[in-house]
Amino acid sequence: MRGSVFKRCTCPPRTGARGRRLACNIAHGSWSFKLDLPSTPTSPRRVVTRGGFASRADAEAELAAALARQ
């Protein structure tokens, strides 16, 4: 299983000189995590997404707890 933490905000996307997306530096929006679960016979891919965390540390702690439960 794998997981990742990311920030969601309503700012329009910005890109750098190499065309990569840049993160928003303004203190707004919320943090979320995505967890890839093992496939089942009925579905080839399962993804759990949870959001609404105030800080990156909160989202990472919840992701670690979700990984420990699996």
N, C-alpha and C. Protein backbone atom coordinates (compact mmCIF):
# COMPACT_ATOMS: atom_id res chain seq x y z
N MET A 1 0.84 -1.18 0.00
CA MET A 1 0.00 0.00 0.00
C MET A 1 0.88 1.23 0.00
N ARG A 2 0.38 2.24 -0.68
CA ARG A 2 1.09 3.50 -0.75
C ARG A 2 0.13 4.63 -0.43
N GLY A 3 0.69 5.74 0.01
CA GLY A 3 -0.13 6.89 0.30
C GLY A 3 0.62 8.18 0.01
N SER A 4 -0.13 9.28 -0.10
CA SER A 4 0.48 10.57 -0.33
C SER A 4 -0.36 11.66 0.33
N VAL A 5 0.29 12.76 0.65
CA VAL A 5 -0.35 13.91 1.29
C VAL A 5 -0.26 15.08 0.33
N PHE A 6 -1.35 15.85 0.21
CA PHE A 6 -1.34 16.98 -0.71
C PHE A 6 -2.25 18.09 -0.18
N LYS A 7 -2.03 19.30 -0.68
CA LYS A 7 -2.81 20.45 -0.28
C LYS A 7 -3.82 20.80 -1.36
N ARG A 8 -5.02 21.16 -0.94
CA ARG A 8 -6.06 21.56 -1.87
C ARG A 8 -6.46 23.00 -1.56
N CYS A 9 -6.49 23.83 -2.58
CA CYS A 9 -6.96 25.21 -2.42
C CYS A 9 -7.62 25.64 -3.72
N THR A 10 -8.25 26.79 -3.70
CA THR A 10 -9.00 27.25 -4.87
C THR A 10 -8.19 28.15 -5.78
N CYS A 11 -6.91 28.31 -5.53
CA CYS A 11 -6.06 29.14 -6.38
C CYS A 11 -5.90 28.49 -7.76
N PRO A 12 -5.79 29.31 -8.80
CA PRO A 12 -5.54 28.71 -10.12
C PRO A 12 -4.14 28.10 -10.17
N PRO A 13 -3.95 27.05 -10.94
CA PRO A 13 -2.64 26.41 -11.00
C PRO A 13 -1.58 27.33 -11.61
N ARG A 14 -0.38 27.27 -11.05
CA ARG A 14 0.77 28.00 -11.58
C ARG A 14 1.82 26.99 -11.98
N THR A 15 2.57 27.30 -13.02
CA THR A 15 3.63 26.40 -13.45
C THR A 15 4.96 27.14 -13.47
N GLY A 16 6.04 26.40 -13.27
CA GLY A 16 7.37 26.95 -13.28
C GLY A 16 7.94 26.96 -14.70
N ALA A 17 9.22 27.28 -14.80
CA ALA A 17 9.89 27.38 -16.09
C ALA A 17 9.92 26.04 -16.83
N ARG A 18 9.95 24.93 -16.10
CA ARG A 18 9.99 23.61 -16.72
C ARG A 18 8.60 23.01 -16.94
N GLY A 19 7.58 23.78 -16.65
CA GLY A 19 6.22 23.31 -16.86
C GLY A 19 5.64 22.52 -15.70
N ARG A 20 6.36 22.42 -14.60
CA ARG A 20 5.86 21.68 -13.44
C ARG A 20 4.94 22.58 -12.62
N ARG A 21 3.95 21.96 -12.01
CA ARG A 21 3.00 22.71 -11.19
C ARG A 21 3.66 23.14 -9.89
N LEU A 22 3.45 24.40 -9.50
CA LEU A 22 4.00 24.95 -8.27
C LEU A 22 2.93 24.94 -7.18
N ALA A 23 3.36 24.70 -5.95
CA ALA A 23 2.44 24.71 -4.82
C ALA A 23 2.10 26.15 -4.42
N CYS A 24 0.92 26.31 -3.87
CA CYS A 24 0.47 27.61 -3.38
C CYS A 24 1.12 27.89 -2.03
N ASN A 25 1.68 29.07 -1.84
CA ASN A 25 2.36 29.40 -0.59
C ASN A 25 1.48 30.18 0.38
N ILE A 26 0.26 30.49 -0.01
CA ILE A 26 -0.64 31.24 0.85
C ILE A 26 -1.23 30.29 1.89
N ALA A 27 -1.41 30.78 3.11
CA ALA A 27 -1.89 29.94 4.21
C ALA A 27 -3.42 29.83 4.16
N HIS A 28 -3.95 29.07 3.21
CA HIS A 28 -5.37 28.78 3.14
C HIS A 28 -5.54 27.41 2.49
N GLY A 29 -6.74 26.95 2.40
CA GLY A 29 -6.97 25.62 1.85
C GLY A 29 -6.88 24.57 2.94
N SER A 30 -6.95 23.32 2.55
CA SER A 30 -6.88 22.24 3.51
C SER A 30 -5.98 21.13 2.98
N TRP A 31 -5.54 20.28 3.88
CA TRP A 31 -4.66 19.17 3.53
C TRP A 31 -5.46 17.89 3.44
N SER A 32 -5.07 17.02 2.53
CA SER A 32 -5.75 15.75 2.31
C SER A 32 -4.72 14.65 2.14
N PHE A 33 -5.19 13.40 2.23
CA PHE A 33 -4.31 12.29 1.91
C PHE A 33 -5.05 11.30 1.03
N LYS A 34 -4.27 10.55 0.27
CA LYS A 34 -4.79 9.52 -0.62
C LYS A 34 -4.05 8.23 -0.29
N LEU A 35 -4.81 7.15 -0.17
CA LEU A 35 -4.25 5.85 0.19
C LEU A 35 -4.68 4.83 -0.85
N ASP A 36 -3.71 4.18 -1.50
CA ASP A 36 -3.98 3.12 -2.48
C ASP A 36 -4.07 1.80 -1.74
N LEU A 37 -5.23 1.14 -1.83
CA LEU A 37 -5.44 -0.15 -1.17
C LEU A 37 -5.25 -1.29 -2.16
N PRO A 38 -5.02 -2.50 -1.68
CA PRO A 38 -4.88 -3.64 -2.59
C PRO A 38 -6.17 -3.88 -3.37
N SER A 39 -6.03 -4.42 -4.55
CA SER A 39 -7.20 -4.70 -5.39
C SER A 39 -7.97 -5.89 -4.84
N THR A 40 -9.23 -5.97 -5.24
CA THR A 40 -10.09 -7.09 -4.89
C THR A 40 -10.52 -7.77 -6.18
N PRO A 41 -11.13 -8.93 -6.08
CA PRO A 41 -11.58 -9.60 -7.32
C PRO A 41 -12.60 -8.79 -8.12
N THR A 42 -13.37 -7.95 -7.45
CA THR A 42 -14.40 -7.19 -8.16
C THR A 42 -13.92 -5.82 -8.63
N SER A 43 -12.85 -5.30 -8.04
CA SER A 43 -12.36 -3.98 -8.48
C SER A 43 -10.84 -4.01 -8.59
N PRO A 44 -10.31 -3.57 -9.72
CA PRO A 44 -8.86 -3.63 -9.91
C PRO A 44 -8.10 -2.59 -9.09
N ARG A 45 -8.76 -1.51 -8.68
CA ARG A 45 -8.05 -0.46 -7.94
C ARG A 45 -8.99 0.16 -6.92
N ARG A 46 -8.48 0.33 -5.70
CA ARG A 46 -9.26 1.00 -4.66
C ARG A 46 -8.42 2.14 -4.10
N VAL A 47 -9.02 3.31 -4.02
CA VAL A 47 -8.33 4.49 -3.50
C VAL A 47 -9.21 5.13 -2.44
N VAL A 48 -8.63 5.39 -1.27
CA VAL A 48 -9.33 6.08 -0.20
C VAL A 48 -8.76 7.48 -0.11
N THR A 49 -9.62 8.49 -0.13
CA THR A 49 -9.19 9.89 0.00
C THR A 49 -9.92 10.52 1.16
N ARG A 50 -9.19 11.16 2.03
CA ARG A 50 -9.77 11.88 3.16
C ARG A 50 -9.16 13.27 3.19
N GLY A 51 -9.95 14.26 3.55
CA GLY A 51 -9.46 15.63 3.54
C GLY A 51 -10.02 16.46 4.67
N GLY A 52 -9.68 17.74 4.64
CA GLY A 52 -10.17 18.69 5.63
C GLY A 52 -9.24 18.88 6.81
N PHE A 53 -7.99 18.47 6.68
CA PHE A 53 -7.04 18.62 7.79
C PHE A 53 -6.43 20.01 7.76
N ALA A 54 -6.23 20.61 8.92
CA ALA A 54 -5.73 21.97 9.02
C ALA A 54 -4.25 22.08 8.69
N SER A 55 -3.48 21.04 8.94
CA SER A 55 -2.03 21.12 8.70
C SER A 55 -1.55 19.84 8.03
N ARG A 56 -0.37 19.94 7.45
CA ARG A 56 0.24 18.77 6.81
C ARG A 56 0.53 17.68 7.83
N ALA A 57 0.95 18.08 9.04
CA ALA A 57 1.26 17.11 10.09
C ALA A 57 0.02 16.32 10.48
N ASP A 58 -1.14 16.98 10.54
CA ASP A 58 -2.38 16.27 10.87
C ASP A 58 -2.71 15.24 9.80
N ALA A 59 -2.58 15.63 8.53
CA ALA A 59 -2.87 14.71 7.43
C ALA A 59 -1.89 13.53 7.42
N GLU A 60 -0.62 13.80 7.67
CA GLU A 60 0.38 12.72 7.70
C GLU A 60 0.13 11.76 8.88
N ALA A 61 -0.28 12.30 10.01
CA ALA A 61 -0.58 11.44 11.18
C ALA A 61 -1.78 10.54 10.88
N GLU A 62 -2.80 11.08 10.26
CA GLU A 62 -3.97 10.27 9.91
C GLU A 62 -3.64 9.24 8.84
N LEU A 63 -2.78 9.60 7.88
CA LEU A 63 -2.33 8.65 6.87
C LEU A 63 -1.57 7.50 7.52
N ALA A 64 -0.69 7.81 8.46
CA ALA A 64 0.07 6.77 9.16
C ALA A 64 -0.87 5.86 9.95
N ALA A 65 -1.90 6.44 10.57
CA ALA A 65 -2.86 5.63 11.31
C ALA A 65 -3.65 4.73 10.35
N ALA A 66 -4.02 5.24 9.19
CA ALA A 66 -4.76 4.44 8.21
C ALA A 66 -3.89 3.32 7.67
N LEU A 67 -2.60 3.60 7.45
CA LEU A 67 -1.68 2.54 7.00
C LEU A 67 -1.51 1.47 8.07
N ALA A 68 -1.49 1.87 9.34
CA ALA A 68 -1.32 0.91 10.42
C ALA A 68 -2.56 0.01 10.58
N ARG A 69 -3.75 0.55 10.27
CA ARG A 69 -4.97 -0.23 10.35
C ARG A 69 -5.06 -1.29 9.27
N GLN A 70 -4.38 -1.10 8.16
CA GLN A 70 -4.48 -2.04 7.02
C GLN A 70 -3.57 -3.19 7.21
